[in-house]
């Protein structure tokens, strides 16, 4: 499988990136705000949903970097920043426009935590690093709520 390299410049592109990082796992310390560079960088192990496998195959994970440019502010909500090794599961990345093209990108984590990024515009890249490895299990979600 070829490593992914995606760019998002509008909300439709961002929804594609969001689908590729759904169920990614990372640690709190992997959330990096670089205010001098107006960047927010996330190192993560994403579940490779695009990899075709047999029904019982647990699939693959890949190490990747999610890079947000033109970030003017970042706020953690319901995340234990004082526990840097706490594991997070990324569920989705969304965009809410404020004054076009500016808005708020939100990273939604399981358990109700989130990271809000104020952005001048959508400018996001997702880049796989290195090779894939076998996942321990295929992510599942309880859809009964």
C-alpha atoms as a PDB file:
ATOM      1  CA  UNK A   1       0.000   0.000   0.000  1.00  0.00           C
ATOM      2  CA  UNK A   2       1.336   3.420  -0.966  1.00  0.00           C
ATOM      3  CA  UNK A   3       1.762   5.897   1.918  1.00  0.00           C
ATOM      4  CA  UNK A   4      -0.813   8.698   1.949  1.00  0.00           C
ATOM      5  CA  UNK A   5      -0.025  12.347   1.438  1.00  0.00           C
ATOM      6  CA  UNK A   6      -3.190  14.444   1.467  1.00  0.00           C
ATOM      7  CA  UNK A   7      -3.846  18.179   1.537  1.00  0.00           C
ATOM      8  CA  UNK A   8      -7.018  19.939   2.623  1.00  0.00           C
ATOM      9  CA  UNK A   9      -7.805  23.498   1.539  1.00  0.00           C
ATOM     10  CA  UNK A  10     -11.575  23.521   2.111  1.00  0.00           C
ATOM     11  CA  UNK A  11     -14.151  21.788   4.311  1.00  0.00           C
ATOM     12  CA  UNK A  12     -14.813  19.054   1.740  1.00  0.00           C
ATOM     13  CA  UNK A  13     -11.098  18.196   1.602  1.00  0.00           C
ATOM     14  CA  UNK A  14     -10.972  18.263   5.402  1.00  0.00           C
ATOM     15  CA  UNK A  15     -13.766  15.684   5.607  1.00  0.00           C
ATOM     16  CA  UNK A  16     -11.618  13.341   3.467  1.00  0.00           C
ATOM     17  CA  UNK A  17      -8.648  13.845   5.811  1.00  0.00           C
ATOM     18  CA  UNK A  18     -10.974  13.275   8.780  1.00  0.00           C
ATOM     19  CA  UNK A  19     -12.071   9.921   7.343  1.00  0.00           C
ATOM     20  CA  UNK A  20      -8.429   8.847   7.038  1.00  0.00           C
ATOM     21  CA  UNK A  21      -7.572   9.745  10.649  1.00  0.00           C
ATOM     22  CA  UNK A  22     -10.722   8.307  12.221  1.00  0.00           C
ATOM     23  CA  UNK A  23      -9.672   5.962  15.049  1.00  0.00           C
ATOM     24  CA  UNK A  24      -6.067   7.179  15.060  1.00  0.00           C
ATOM     25  CA  UNK A  25      -4.369   6.810  18.436  1.00  0.00           C
ATOM     26  CA  UNK A  26      -1.900   9.210  19.973  1.00  0.00           C
ATOM     27  CA  UNK A  27      -0.713  10.512  23.314  1.00  0.00           C
ATOM     28  CA  UNK A  28      -1.508  13.922  24.745  1.00  0.00           C
ATOM     29  CA  UNK A  29       2.189  14.838  24.364  1.00  0.00           C
ATOM     30  CA  UNK A  30       1.823  14.263  20.590  1.00  0.00           C
ATOM     31  CA  UNK A  31      -0.326  17.415  20.298  1.00  0.00           C
ATOM     32  CA  UNK A  32       2.152  20.225  19.517  1.00  0.00           C
ATOM     33  CA  UNK A  33       1.221  23.916  19.301  1.00  0.00           C
ATOM     34  CA  UNK A  34       3.928  26.062  17.666  1.00  0.00           C
ATOM     35  CA  UNK A  35       2.576  29.629  17.977  1.00  0.00           C
ATOM     36  CA  UNK A  36       5.654  31.320  16.476  1.00  0.00           C
ATOM     37  CA  UNK A  37       5.103  29.277  13.282  1.00  0.00           C
ATOM     38  CA  UNK A  38       1.283  29.430  13.453  1.00  0.00           C
ATOM     39  CA  UNK A  39       1.250  25.619  13.273  1.00  0.00           C
ATOM     40  CA  UNK A  40      -0.360  22.811  15.186  1.00  0.00           C
ATOM     41  CA  UNK A  41       1.176  19.385  14.579  1.00  0.00           C
ATOM     42  CA  UNK A  42      -0.166  15.985  15.638  1.00  0.00           C
ATOM     43  CA  UNK A  43       1.902  12.797  15.479  1.00  0.00           C
ATOM     44  CA  UNK A  44      -0.429   9.803  15.392  1.00  0.00           C
ATOM     45  CA  UNK A  45      -0.840   6.146  14.534  1.00  0.00           C
ATOM     46  CA  UNK A  46      -3.741   6.072  12.136  1.00  0.00           C
ATOM     47  CA  UNK A  47      -5.866   3.082  11.260  1.00  0.00           C
ATOM     48  CA  UNK A  48      -5.509   2.550   7.492  1.00  0.00           C
ATOM     49  CA  UNK A  49      -9.191   2.318   6.560  1.00  0.00           C
ATOM     50  CA  UNK A  50      -8.290   2.373   2.871  1.00  0.00           C
ATOM     51  CA  UNK A  51      -6.329  -0.924   3.129  1.00  0.00           C
ATOM     52  CA  UNK A  52      -8.442  -3.733   1.771  1.00  0.00           C
ATOM     53  CA  UNK A  53      -8.353  -6.848   3.892  1.00  0.00           C
ATOM     54  CA  UNK A  54     -10.348  -9.931   4.667  1.00  0.00           C
ATOM     55  CA  UNK A  55     -13.308  -9.577   6.980  1.00  0.00           C
ATOM     56  CA  UNK A  56     -11.486 -10.984  10.014  1.00  0.00           C
ATOM     57  CA  UNK A  57      -8.203  -9.275   9.177  1.00  0.00           C
ATOM     58  CA  UNK A  58      -7.470  -6.668  11.882  1.00  0.00           C
ATOM     59  CA  UNK A  59      -6.071  -4.308   9.236  1.00  0.00           C
ATOM     60  CA  UNK A  60      -3.075  -1.994   9.416  1.00  0.00           C
ATOM     61  CA  UNK A  61      -1.848   1.065  11.241  1.00  0.00           C
ATOM     62  CA  UNK A  62       0.554   3.688   9.946  1.00  0.00           C
ATOM     63  CA  UNK A  63       2.517   6.394  11.704  1.00  0.00           C
ATOM     64  CA  UNK A  64       1.492   9.775  10.297  1.00  0.00           C
ATOM     65  CA  UNK A  65       1.674  13.517  10.865  1.00  0.00           C
ATOM     66  CA  UNK A  66      -1.344  15.801  10.729  1.00  0.00           C
ATOM     67  CA  UNK A  67      -0.139  19.380  10.171  1.00  0.00           C
ATOM     68  CA  UNK A  68      -2.388  22.440  10.535  1.00  0.00           C
ATOM     69  CA  UNK A  69      -1.045  25.759   9.173  1.00  0.00           C
ATOM     70  CA  UNK A  70      -2.255  29.339   9.789  1.00  0.00           C
ATOM     71  CA  UNK A  71      -3.348  28.539  13.347  1.00  0.00           C
ATOM     72  CA  UNK A  72      -3.834  31.651  15.484  1.00  0.00           C
ATOM     73  CA  UNK A  73      -4.996  29.974  18.724  1.00  0.00           C
ATOM     74  CA  UNK A  74      -5.300  26.492  20.219  1.00  0.00           C
ATOM     75  CA  UNK A  75      -7.452  25.359  23.161  1.00  0.00           C
ATOM     76  CA  UNK A  76      -7.623  21.944  24.793  1.00  0.00           C
ATOM     77  CA  UNK A  77     -11.027  21.030  26.215  1.00  0.00           C
ATOM     78  CA  UNK A  78     -11.469  18.095  28.610  1.00  0.00           C
ATOM     79  CA  UNK A  79      -7.954  16.822  27.868  1.00  0.00           C
ATOM     80  CA  UNK A  80      -5.521  15.995  30.680  1.00  0.00           C
ATOM     81  CA  UNK A  81      -2.548  18.073  29.539  1.00  0.00           C
ATOM     82  CA  UNK A  82      -0.920  17.245  32.909  1.00  0.00           C
ATOM     83  CA  UNK A  83      -0.833  13.530  31.905  1.00  0.00           C
ATOM     84  CA  UNK A  84       1.321  13.602  28.740  1.00  0.00           C
ATOM     85  CA  UNK A  85       1.272   9.809  28.246  1.00  0.00           C
ATOM     86  CA  UNK A  86      -2.535   9.572  28.311  1.00  0.00           C
ATOM     87  CA  UNK A  87      -3.770   7.836  25.162  1.00  0.00           C
ATOM     88  CA  UNK A  88      -6.318   9.564  22.946  1.00  0.00           C
ATOM     89  CA  UNK A  89      -8.452   8.126  20.162  1.00  0.00           C
ATOM     90  CA  UNK A  90      -9.268  10.618  17.404  1.00  0.00           C
ATOM     91  CA  UNK A  91     -12.828  10.310  16.128  1.00  0.00           C
ATOM     92  CA  UNK A  92     -13.175  13.208  13.669  1.00  0.00           C
ATOM     93  CA  UNK A  93     -11.826  16.548  12.473  1.00  0.00           C
ATOM     94  CA  UNK A  94     -14.449  19.215  11.708  1.00  0.00           C
ATOM     95  CA  UNK A  95     -14.554  22.827  10.549  1.00  0.00           C
ATOM     96  CA  UNK A  96     -16.905  25.629  11.544  1.00  0.00           C
ATOM     97  CA  UNK A  97     -16.604  28.840   9.521  1.00  0.00           C
ATOM     98  CA  UNK A  98     -16.601  32.139  11.415  1.00  0.00           C
ATOM     99  CA  UNK A  99     -15.573  34.906   8.997  1.00  0.00           C
ATOM    100  CA  UNK A 100     -14.744  33.324   5.635  1.00  0.00           C
ATOM    101  CA  UNK A 101     -12.258  31.875   5.079  1.00  0.00           C
ATOM    102  CA  UNK A 102     -11.411  31.825   8.817  1.00  0.00           C
ATOM    103  CA  UNK A 103     -12.953  29.453  11.283  1.00  0.00           C
ATOM    104  CA  UNK A 104     -12.490  26.814  13.934  1.00  0.00           C
ATOM    105  CA  UNK A 105     -11.100  23.325  13.323  1.00  0.00           C
ATOM    106  CA  UNK A 106     -11.970  20.860  16.057  1.00  0.00           C
ATOM    107  CA  UNK A 107     -10.283  17.537  16.728  1.00  0.00           C
ATOM    108  CA  UNK A 108     -12.845  15.325  18.495  1.00  0.00           C
ATOM    109  CA  UNK A 109     -11.568  12.559  20.782  1.00  0.00           C
ATOM    110  CA  UNK A 110     -13.359   9.636  22.389  1.00  0.00           C
ATOM    111  CA  UNK A 111     -14.471  10.399  25.926  1.00  0.00           C
ATOM    112  CA  UNK A 112     -15.604  13.919  24.986  1.00  0.00           C
ATOM    113  CA  UNK A 113     -12.239  15.685  24.846  1.00  0.00           C
ATOM    114  CA  UNK A 114     -11.378  18.033  21.989  1.00  0.00           C
ATOM    115  CA  UNK A 115      -8.763  20.392  20.643  1.00  0.00           C
ATOM    116  CA  UNK A 116     -10.010  23.620  19.059  1.00  0.00           C
ATOM    117  CA  UNK A 117      -7.845  25.469  16.570  1.00  0.00           C
ATOM    118  CA  UNK A 118      -8.657  28.982  15.415  1.00  0.00           C
ATOM    119  CA  UNK A 119      -7.447  29.215  11.809  1.00  0.00           C
ATOM    120  CA  UNK A 120      -7.134  31.967   9.199  1.00  0.00           C
ATOM    121  CA  UNK A 121      -8.196  29.369   6.613  1.00  0.00           C
ATOM    122  CA  UNK A 122      -8.096  25.607   6.100  1.00  0.00           C
ATOM    123  CA  UNK A 123      -4.558  24.502   5.251  1.00  0.00           C
ATOM    124  CA  UNK A 124      -3.991  20.944   6.478  1.00  0.00           C
ATOM    125  CA  UNK A 125      -1.746  18.080   5.403  1.00  0.00           C
ATOM    126  CA  UNK A 126      -1.765  14.411   6.370  1.00  0.00           C
ATOM    127  CA  UNK A 127       1.467  12.556   5.630  1.00  0.00           C
ATOM    128  CA  UNK A 128       2.225   8.889   6.318  1.00  0.00           C
ATOM    129  CA  UNK A 129       5.705   8.116   7.621  1.00  0.00           C
ATOM    130  CA  UNK A 130       7.376   4.765   7.071  1.00  0.00           C
ATOM    131  CA  UNK A 131       5.721   1.413   6.565  1.00  0.00           C
ATOM    132  CA  UNK A 132       2.511  -0.099   7.893  1.00  0.00           C
ATOM    133  CA  UNK A 133       2.201  -2.720  10.634  1.00  0.00           C
ATOM    134  CA  UNK A 134      -0.581  -5.122  11.588  1.00  0.00           C
ATOM    135  CA  UNK A 135      -3.206  -3.569  13.833  1.00  0.00           C
ATOM    136  CA  UNK A 136      -4.136  -5.451  17.004  1.00  0.00           C
ATOM    137  CA  UNK A 137      -7.831  -5.088  16.182  1.00  0.00           C
ATOM    138  CA  UNK A 138     -10.223  -3.376  13.781  1.00  0.00           C
ATOM    139  CA  UNK A 139     -11.815  -0.339  15.513  1.00  0.00           C
ATOM    140  CA  UNK A 140     -15.521  -0.671  16.298  1.00  0.00           C
ATOM    141  CA  UNK A 141     -18.042   1.894  17.487  1.00  0.00           C
ATOM    142  CA  UNK A 142     -21.185   1.463  19.522  1.00  0.00           C
ATOM    143  CA  UNK A 143     -23.813   3.169  17.357  1.00  0.00           C
ATOM    144  CA  UNK A 144     -26.672   2.667  19.834  1.00  0.00           C
ATOM    145  CA  UNK A 145     -26.396   6.178  21.344  1.00  0.00           C
END
